[in-house]
PDB file of N, CA and C in Angstrom:
ATOM      1  N   MET A   1      10.755  -7.603   5.337  1.00  0.00           N
ATOM      2  CA  MET A   1      10.344  -6.275   5.751  1.00  0.00           C
ATOM      3  C   MET A   1      11.457  -5.295   5.374  1.00  0.00           C
ATOM      4  N   LEU A   2      11.104  -4.229   4.754  1.00  0.00           N
ATOM      5  CA  LEU A   2      12.081  -3.209   4.414  1.00  0.00           C
ATOM      6  C   LEU A   2      12.347  -2.329   5.626  1.00  0.00           C
ATOM      7  N   PRO A   3      13.583  -1.928   5.823  1.00  0.00           N
ATOM      8  CA  PRO A   3      13.895  -1.104   6.989  1.00  0.00           C
ATOM      9  C   PRO A   3      13.378   0.321   6.826  1.00  0.00           C
ATOM     10  N   VAL A   4      12.337   0.666   7.566  1.00  0.00           N
ATOM     11  CA  VAL A   4      11.792   2.020   7.517  1.00  0.00           C
ATOM     12  C   VAL A   4      11.940   2.725   8.857  1.00  0.00           C
ATOM     13  N   ASN A   5      11.958   1.949   9.926  1.00  0.00           N
ATOM     14  CA  ASN A   5      12.113   2.493  11.256  1.00  0.00           C
ATOM     15  C   ASN A   5      13.594   2.756  11.519  1.00  0.00           C
ATOM     16  N   ALA A   6      13.899   3.776  12.304  1.00  0.00           N
ATOM     17  CA  ALA A   6      15.292   4.113  12.611  1.00  0.00           C
ATOM     18  C   ALA A   6      16.036   2.935  13.224  1.00  0.00           C
ATOM     19  N   LEU A   7      15.376   2.168  14.084  1.00  0.00           N
ATOM     20  CA  LEU A   7      16.024   0.999  14.691  1.00  0.00           C
ATOM     21  C   LEU A   7      16.295  -0.086  13.660  1.00  0.00           C
ATOM     22  N   GLN A   8      15.385  -0.248  12.707  1.00  0.00           N
ATOM     23  CA  GLN A   8      15.599  -1.237  11.654  1.00  0.00           C
ATOM     24  C   GLN A   8      16.796  -0.853  10.788  1.00  0.00           C
ATOM     25  N   LYS A   9      16.935   0.427  10.514  1.00  0.00           N
ATOM     26  CA  LYS A   9      18.018   0.894   9.657  1.00  0.00           C
ATOM     27  C   LYS A   9      19.390   0.689  10.289  1.00  0.00           C
ATOM     28  N   LYS A  10      19.442   0.609  11.619  1.00  0.00           N
ATOM     29  CA  LYS A  10      20.713   0.437  12.323  1.00  0.00           C
ATOM     30  C   LYS A  10      21.181  -1.011  12.376  1.00  0.00           C
ATOM     31  N   THR A  11      20.325  -1.959  12.025  1.00  0.00           N
ATOM     32  CA  THR A  11      20.713  -3.356  12.120  1.00  0.00           C
ATOM     33  C   THR A  11      21.766  -3.707  11.081  1.00  0.00           C
ATOM     34  N   LYS A  12      22.512  -4.765  11.357  1.00  0.00           N
ATOM     35  CA  LYS A  12      23.570  -5.195  10.443  1.00  0.00           C
ATOM     36  C   LYS A  12      23.016  -5.631   9.097  1.00  0.00           C
ATOM     37  N   SER A  13      21.799  -6.156   9.087  1.00  0.00           N
ATOM     38  CA  SER A  13      21.235  -6.688   7.849  1.00  0.00           C
ATOM     39  C   SER A  13      20.320  -5.711   7.117  1.00  0.00           C
ATOM     40  N   SER A  14      20.283  -4.463   7.529  1.00  0.00           N
ATOM     41  CA  SER A  14      19.323  -3.539   6.919  1.00  0.00           C
ATOM     42  C   SER A  14      19.564  -3.344   5.427  1.00  0.00           C
ATOM     43  N   ALA A  15      20.814  -3.431   4.993  1.00  0.00           N
ATOM     44  CA  ALA A  15      21.102  -3.253   3.564  1.00  0.00           C
ATOM     45  C   ALA A  15      20.520  -4.402   2.745  1.00  0.00           C
ATOM     46  N   GLU A  16      20.466  -5.587   3.341  1.00  0.00           N
ATOM     47  CA  GLU A  16      19.941  -6.741   2.628  1.00  0.00           C
ATOM     48  C   GLU A  16      18.427  -6.814   2.708  1.00  0.00           C
ATOM     49  N   ALA A  17      17.852  -6.395   3.804  1.00  0.00           N
ATOM     50  CA  ALA A  17      16.402  -6.410   4.025  1.00  0.00           C
ATOM     51  C   ALA A  17      15.781  -7.709   3.534  1.00  0.00           C
ATOM     52  N   ALA A  18      16.320  -8.809   4.007  1.00  0.00           N
ATOM     53  CA  ALA A  18      15.817 -10.146   3.661  1.00  0.00           C
ATOM     54  C   ALA A  18      15.823 -10.396   2.159  1.00  0.00           C
ATOM     55  N   GLY A  19      16.779  -9.827   1.452  1.00  0.00           N
ATOM     56  CA  GLY A  19      16.897 -10.065   0.019  1.00  0.00           C
ATOM     57  C   GLY A  19      16.055  -9.151  -0.846  1.00  0.00           C
ATOM     58  N   PHE A  20      15.312  -8.252  -0.235  1.00  0.00           N
ATOM     59  CA  PHE A  20      14.470  -7.338  -0.992  1.00  0.00           C
ATOM     60  C   PHE A  20      15.166  -6.004  -1.182  1.00  0.00           C
ATOM     61  N   LYS A  21      14.800  -5.322  -2.240  1.00  0.00           N
ATOM     62  CA  LYS A  21      15.287  -3.959  -2.430  1.00  0.00           C
ATOM     63  C   LYS A  21      14.085  -3.049  -2.626  1.00  0.00           C
ATOM     64  N   ALA A  22      14.220  -1.841  -2.155  1.00  0.00           N
ATOM     65  CA  ALA A  22      13.136  -0.875  -2.314  1.00  0.00           C
ATOM     66  C   ALA A  22      12.989  -0.534  -3.788  1.00  0.00           C
ATOM     67  N   ILE A  23      11.738  -0.442  -4.250  1.00  0.00           N
ATOM     68  CA  ILE A  23      11.494  -0.046  -5.628  1.00  0.00           C
ATOM     69  C   ILE A  23      10.489   1.088  -5.630  1.00  0.00           C
ATOM     70  N   GLY A  24      10.522   1.870  -6.692  1.00  0.00           N
ATOM     71  CA  GLY A  24       9.643   3.026  -6.793  1.00  0.00           C
ATOM     72  C   GLY A  24       8.313   2.689  -7.438  1.00  0.00           C
ATOM     73  N   PHE A  25       7.445   3.674  -7.466  1.00  0.00           N
ATOM     74  CA  PHE A  25       6.103   3.503  -8.015  1.00  0.00           C
ATOM     75  C   PHE A  25       6.144   3.046  -9.468  1.00  0.00           C
ATOM     76  N   ASP A  26       7.020   3.642 -10.281  1.00  0.00           N
ATOM     77  CA  ASP A  26       7.079   3.280 -11.701  1.00  0.00           C
ATOM     78  C   ASP A  26       7.435   1.811 -11.896  1.00  0.00           C
ATOM     79  N   GLU A  27       8.339   1.304 -11.062  1.00  0.00           N
ATOM     80  CA  GLU A  27       8.718  -0.107 -11.161  1.00  0.00           C
ATOM     81  C   GLU A  27       7.561  -1.025 -10.754  1.00  0.00           C
ATOM     82  N   VAL A  28       6.844  -0.634  -9.722  1.00  0.00           N
ATOM     83  CA  VAL A  28       5.688  -1.424  -9.297  1.00  0.00           C
ATOM     84  C   VAL A  28       4.622  -1.399 -10.392  1.00  0.00           C
ATOM     85  N   ALA A  29       4.354  -0.220 -10.945  1.00  0.00           N
ATOM     86  CA  ALA A  29       3.345  -0.093 -12.001  1.00  0.00           C
ATOM     87  C   ALA A  29       3.708  -0.955 -13.208  1.00  0.00           C
ATOM     88  N   LYS A  30       4.978  -0.973 -13.565  1.00  0.00           N
ATOM     89  CA  LYS A  30       5.422  -1.795 -14.694  1.00  0.00           C
ATOM     90  C   LYS A  30       5.229  -3.284 -14.379  1.00  0.00           C
ATOM     91  N   PHE A  31       5.545  -3.691 -13.151  1.00  0.00           N
ATOM     92  CA  PHE A  31       5.422  -5.093 -12.757  1.00  0.00           C
ATOM     93  C   PHE A  31       3.971  -5.561 -12.796  1.00  0.00           C
ATOM     94  N   VAL A  32       3.041  -4.745 -12.307  1.00  0.00           N
ATOM     95  CA  VAL A  32       1.644  -5.176 -12.220  1.00  0.00           C
ATOM     96  C   VAL A  32       0.844  -4.907 -13.500  1.00  0.00           C
ATOM     97  N   ALA A  33       1.431  -4.213 -14.470  1.00  0.00           N
ATOM     98  CA  ALA A  33       0.708  -3.855 -15.695  1.00  0.00           C
ATOM     99  C   ALA A  33       0.157  -5.077 -16.433  1.00  0.00           C
ATOM    100  N   LYS A  34       0.849  -6.187 -16.347  1.00  0.00           N
ATOM    101  CA  LYS A  34       0.404  -7.386 -17.069  1.00  0.00           C
ATOM    102  C   LYS A  34      -0.824  -8.035 -16.423  1.00  0.00           C
ATOM    103  N   TYR A  35      -1.165  -7.615 -15.216  1.00  0.00           N
ATOM    104  CA  TYR A  35      -2.288  -8.219 -14.494  1.00  0.00           C
ATOM    105  C   TYR A  35      -3.576  -7.433 -14.727  1.00  0.00           C
ATOM    106  N   ASP A  36      -4.084  -7.488 -15.955  1.00  0.00           N
ATOM    107  CA  ASP A  36      -5.367  -6.851 -16.232  1.00  0.00           C
ATOM    108  C   ASP A  36      -6.484  -7.715 -15.644  1.00  0.00           C
ATOM    109  N   VAL A  37      -7.709  -7.240 -15.732  1.00  0.00           N
ATOM    110  CA  VAL A  37      -8.821  -7.924 -15.074  1.00  0.00           C
ATOM    111  C   VAL A  37      -9.022  -9.343 -15.605  1.00  0.00           C
ATOM    112  N   ASN A  38      -8.805  -9.556 -16.893  1.00  0.00           N
ATOM    113  CA  ASN A  38      -9.007 -10.900 -17.447  1.00  0.00           C
ATOM    114  C   ASN A  38      -7.920 -11.867 -16.985  1.00  0.00           C
ATOM    115  N   THR A  39      -6.692 -11.388 -16.911  1.00  0.00           N
ATOM    116  CA  THR A  39      -5.590 -12.224 -16.430  1.00  0.00           C
ATOM    117  C   THR A  39      -5.811 -12.610 -14.968  1.00  0.00           C
ATOM    118  N   VAL A  40      -6.185 -11.634 -14.157  1.00  0.00           N
ATOM    119  CA  VAL A  40      -6.413 -11.898 -12.738  1.00  0.00           C
ATOM    120  C   VAL A  40      -7.630 -12.800 -12.554  1.00  0.00           C
ATOM    121  N   SER A  41      -8.623 -12.648 -13.392  1.00  0.00           N
ATOM    122  CA  SER A  41      -9.799 -13.512 -13.335  1.00  0.00           C
ATOM    123  C   SER A  41      -9.391 -14.967 -13.561  1.00  0.00           C
ATOM    124  N   LYS A  42      -8.541 -15.193 -14.541  1.00  0.00           N
ATOM    125  CA  LYS A  42      -8.086 -16.556 -14.821  1.00  0.00           C
ATOM    126  C   LYS A  42      -7.233 -17.103 -13.680  1.00  0.00           C
ATOM    127  N   LEU A  43      -6.379 -16.275 -13.120  1.00  0.00           N
ATOM    128  CA  LEU A  43      -5.512 -16.720 -12.028  1.00  0.00           C
ATOM    129  C   LEU A  43      -6.285 -17.001 -10.744  1.00  0.00           C
ATOM    130  N   SER A  44      -7.264 -16.176 -10.474  1.00  0.00           N
ATOM    131  CA  SER A  44      -7.974 -16.262  -9.189  1.00  0.00           C
ATOM    132  C   SER A  44      -9.245 -17.097  -9.228  1.00  0.00           C
ATOM    133  N   GLY A  45      -9.803 -17.241 -10.422  1.00  0.00           N
ATOM    134  CA  GLY A  45     -11.072 -17.943 -10.528  1.00  0.00           C
ATOM    135  C   GLY A  45     -12.275 -17.057 -10.226  1.00  0.00           C
ATOM    136  N   LEU A  46     -12.043 -15.772 -10.002  1.00  0.00           N
ATOM    137  CA  LEU A  46     -13.134 -14.828  -9.744  1.00  0.00           C
ATOM    138  C   LEU A  46     -13.570 -14.176 -11.047  1.00  0.00           C
ATOM    139  N   ALA A  47     -14.847 -13.906 -11.166  1.00  0.00           N
ATOM    140  CA  ALA A  47     -15.378 -13.267 -12.367  1.00  0.00           C
ATOM    141  C   ALA A  47     -14.859 -11.826 -12.471  1.00  0.00           C
ATOM    142  N   PRO A  48     -14.614 -11.343 -13.695  1.00  0.00           N
ATOM    143  CA  PRO A  48     -14.126  -9.973 -13.873  1.00  0.00           C
ATOM    144  C   PRO A  48     -14.994  -8.914 -13.203  1.00  0.00           C
ATOM    145  N   ASP A  49     -16.324  -9.066 -13.257  1.00  0.00           N
ATOM    146  CA  ASP A  49     -17.191  -8.059 -12.626  1.00  0.00           C
ATOM    147  C   ASP A  49     -17.002  -8.043 -11.109  1.00  0.00           C
ATOM    148  N   ARG A  50     -16.755  -9.201 -10.532  1.00  0.00           N
ATOM    149  CA  ARG A  50     -16.514  -9.254  -9.083  1.00  0.00           C
ATOM    150  C   ARG A  50     -15.191  -8.567  -8.724  1.00  0.00           C
ATOM    151  N   LEU A  51     -14.172  -8.771  -9.548  1.00  0.00           N
ATOM    152  CA  LEU A  51     -12.886  -8.104  -9.324  1.00  0.00           C
ATOM    153  C   LEU A  51     -13.021  -6.589  -9.458  1.00  0.00           C
ATOM    154  N   ARG A  52     -13.801  -6.148 -10.431  1.00  0.00           N
ATOM    155  CA  ARG A  52     -14.018  -4.707 -10.607  1.00  0.00           C
ATOM    156  C   ARG A  52     -14.724  -4.102  -9.394  1.00  0.00           C
ATOM    157  N   ARG A  53     -15.741  -4.807  -8.882  1.00  0.00           N
ATOM    158  CA  ARG A  53     -16.441  -4.309  -7.689  1.00  0.00           C
ATOM    159  C   ARG A  53     -15.504  -4.200  -6.496  1.00  0.00           C
ATOM    160  N   LEU A  54     -14.634  -5.193  -6.333  1.00  0.00           N
ATOM    161  CA  LEU A  54     -13.664  -5.151  -5.243  1.00  0.00           C
ATOM    162  C   LEU A  54     -12.712  -3.973  -5.419  1.00  0.00           C
ATOM    163  N   ALA A  55     -12.250  -3.754  -6.636  1.00  0.00           N
ATOM    164  CA  ALA A  55     -11.355  -2.628  -6.912  1.00  0.00           C
ATOM    165  C   ALA A  55     -12.046  -1.300  -6.613  1.00  0.00           C
ATOM    166  N   GLN A  56     -13.333  -1.202  -6.940  1.00  0.00           N
ATOM    167  CA  GLN A  56     -14.080   0.029  -6.657  1.00  0.00           C
ATOM    168  C   GLN A  56     -14.197   0.271  -5.154  1.00  0.00           C
ATOM    169  N   LEU A  57     -14.358  -0.794  -4.383  1.00  0.00           N
ATOM    170  CA  LEU A  57     -14.413  -0.647  -2.927  1.00  0.00           C
ATOM    171  C   LEU A  57     -13.086  -0.109  -2.388  1.00  0.00           C
ATOM    172  N   TYR A  58     -11.987  -0.675  -2.870  1.00  0.00           N
ATOM    173  CA  TYR A  58     -10.671  -0.229  -2.412  1.00  0.00           C
ATOM    174  C   TYR A  58     -10.379   1.204  -2.857  1.00  0.00           C
ATOM    175  N   ALA A  59     -10.898   1.596  -4.014  1.00  0.00           N
ATOM    176  CA  ALA A  59     -10.612   2.922  -4.548  1.00  0.00           C
ATOM    177  C   ALA A  59     -11.474   4.015  -3.944  1.00  0.00           C
ATOM    178  N   ASP A  60     -12.580   3.660  -3.318  1.00  0.00           N
ATOM    179  CA  ASP A  60     -13.501   4.648  -2.765  1.00  0.00           C
ATOM    180  C   ASP A  60     -12.978   5.174  -1.423  1.00  0.00           C
ATOM    181  N   PRO A  61     -12.621   6.460  -1.368  1.00  0.00           N
ATOM    182  CA  PRO A  61     -12.060   7.007  -0.122  1.00  0.00           C
ATOM    183  C   PRO A  61     -13.066   7.070   1.030  1.00  0.00           C
ATOM    184  N   LYS A  62     -14.358   6.919   0.726  1.00  0.00           N
ATOM    185  CA  LYS A  62     -15.379   6.953   1.773  1.00  0.00           C
ATOM    186  C   LYS A  62     -15.546   5.594   2.467  1.00  0.00           C
ATOM    187  N   ILE A  63     -15.026   4.553   1.841  1.00  0.00           N
ATOM    188  CA  ILE A  63     -15.163   3.210   2.401  1.00  0.00           C
ATOM    189  C   ILE A  63     -13.849   2.830   3.078  1.00  0.00           C
ATOM    190  N   LYS A  64     -13.963   2.400   4.322  1.00  0.00           N
ATOM    191  CA  LYS A  64     -12.787   1.990   5.084  1.00  0.00           C
ATOM    192  C   LYS A  64     -12.542   0.503   4.846  1.00  0.00           C
ATOM    193  N   VAL A  65     -11.338   0.163   4.425  1.00  0.00           N
ATOM    194  CA  VAL A  65     -10.988  -1.216   4.132  1.00  0.00           C
ATOM    195  C   VAL A  65      -9.802  -1.617   4.994  1.00  0.00           C
ATOM    196  N   MET A  66      -9.888  -2.796   5.593  1.00  0.00           N
ATOM    197  CA  MET A  66      -8.755  -3.343   6.320  1.00  0.00           C
ATOM    198  C   MET A  66      -8.320  -4.592   5.572  1.00  0.00           C
ATOM    199  N   SER A  67      -7.069  -4.638   5.206  1.00  0.00           N
ATOM    200  CA  SER A  67      -6.565  -5.758   4.440  1.00  0.00           C
ATOM    201  C   SER A  67      -5.524  -6.508   5.258  1.00  0.00           C
ATOM    202  N   PHE A  68      -5.606  -7.828   5.236  1.00  0.00           N
ATOM    203  CA  PHE A  68      -4.645  -8.672   5.944  1.00  0.00           C
ATOM    204  C   PHE A  68      -3.843  -9.479   4.938  1.00  0.00           C
ATOM    205  N   TRP A  69      -2.555  -9.593   5.183  1.00  0.00           N
ATOM    206  CA  TRP A  69      -1.704 -10.444   4.362  1.00  0.00           C
ATOM    207  C   TRP A  69      -0.932 -11.326   5.317  1.00  0.00           C
ATOM    208  N   THR A  70      -1.495 -12.483   5.614  1.00  0.00           N
ATOM    209  CA  THR A  70      -0.870 -13.369   6.587  1.00  0.00           C
ATOM    210  C   THR A  70      -0.901 -14.806   6.097  1.00  0.00           C
ATOM    211  N   MET A  71       0.062 -15.559   6.513  1.00  0.00           N
ATOM    212  CA  MET A  71       0.110 -16.982   6.147  1.00  0.00           C
ATOM    213  C   MET A  71      -1.138 -17.668   6.697  1.00  0.00           C
ATOM    214  N   GLY A  72      -1.804 -18.395   5.841  1.00  0.00           N
ATOM    215  CA  GLY A  72      -2.988 -19.129   6.252  1.00  0.00           C
ATOM    216  C   GLY A  72      -4.275 -18.350   6.086  1.00  0.00           C
ATOM    217  N   PHE A  73      -4.214 -17.054   6.069  1.00  0.00           N
ATOM    218  CA  PHE A  73      -5.419 -16.245   5.911  1.00  0.00           C
ATOM    219  C   PHE A  73      -5.680 -15.994   4.433  1.00  0.00           C
ATOM    220  N   ASN A  74      -4.670 -15.502   3.742  1.00  0.00           N
ATOM    221  CA  ASN A  74      -4.827 -15.277   2.301  1.00  0.00           C
ATOM    222  C   ASN A  74      -3.537 -15.478   1.517  1.00  0.00           C
ATOM    223  N   GLN A  75      -2.561 -16.100   2.132  1.00  0.00           N
ATOM    224  CA  GLN A  75      -1.304 -16.353   1.435  1.00  0.00           C
ATOM    225  C   GLN A  75      -1.068 -17.857   1.384  1.00  0.00           C
ATOM    226  N   PRO A  76      -0.777 -18.400   0.212  1.00  0.00           N
ATOM    227  CA  PRO A  76      -0.514 -19.833   0.135  1.00  0.00           C
ATOM    228  C   PRO A  76       0.830 -20.180   0.787  1.00  0.00           C
ATOM    229  N   THR A  77       1.027 -21.434   1.057  1.00  0.00           N
ATOM    230  CA  THR A  77       2.258 -21.852   1.731  1.00  0.00           C
ATOM    231  C   THR A  77       3.487 -21.676   0.865  1.00  0.00           C
ATOM    232  N   ARG A  78       3.329 -21.531  -0.447  1.00  0.00           N
ATOM    233  CA  ARG A  78       4.506 -21.328  -1.287  1.00  0.00           C
ATOM    234  C   ARG A  78       4.991 -19.875  -1.232  1.00  0.00           C
ATOM    235  N   GLY A  79       4.243 -19.001  -0.576  1.00  0.00           N
ATOM    236  CA  GLY A  79       4.706 -17.638  -0.335  1.00  0.00           C
ATOM    237  C   GLY A  79       4.524 -16.667  -1.464  1.00  0.00           C
ATOM    238  N   ALA A  80       3.715 -16.957  -2.444  1.00  0.00           N
ATOM    239  CA  ALA A  80       3.490 -16.001  -3.526  1.00  0.00           C
ATOM    240  C   ALA A  80       2.023 -15.826  -3.780  1.00  0.00           C
TER     241      ALA A  80
END
């Protein structure tokens, strides 16, 4: 977890933030650029059209989406 709360920033380990460093939008965009729909389809086993529909749901501001990222729900035990 990155330190965003004032109390988190005061901790002794806030500079390390569990080994993570904050990155900007451009760095994130560069990192995910290689994951086009065909690459993600191969990695996930989902058809490209299904991935596109999911992306459209997330992109639609009229649709409310709740996303969970938790161990056992949608994260493998290897943590990636």
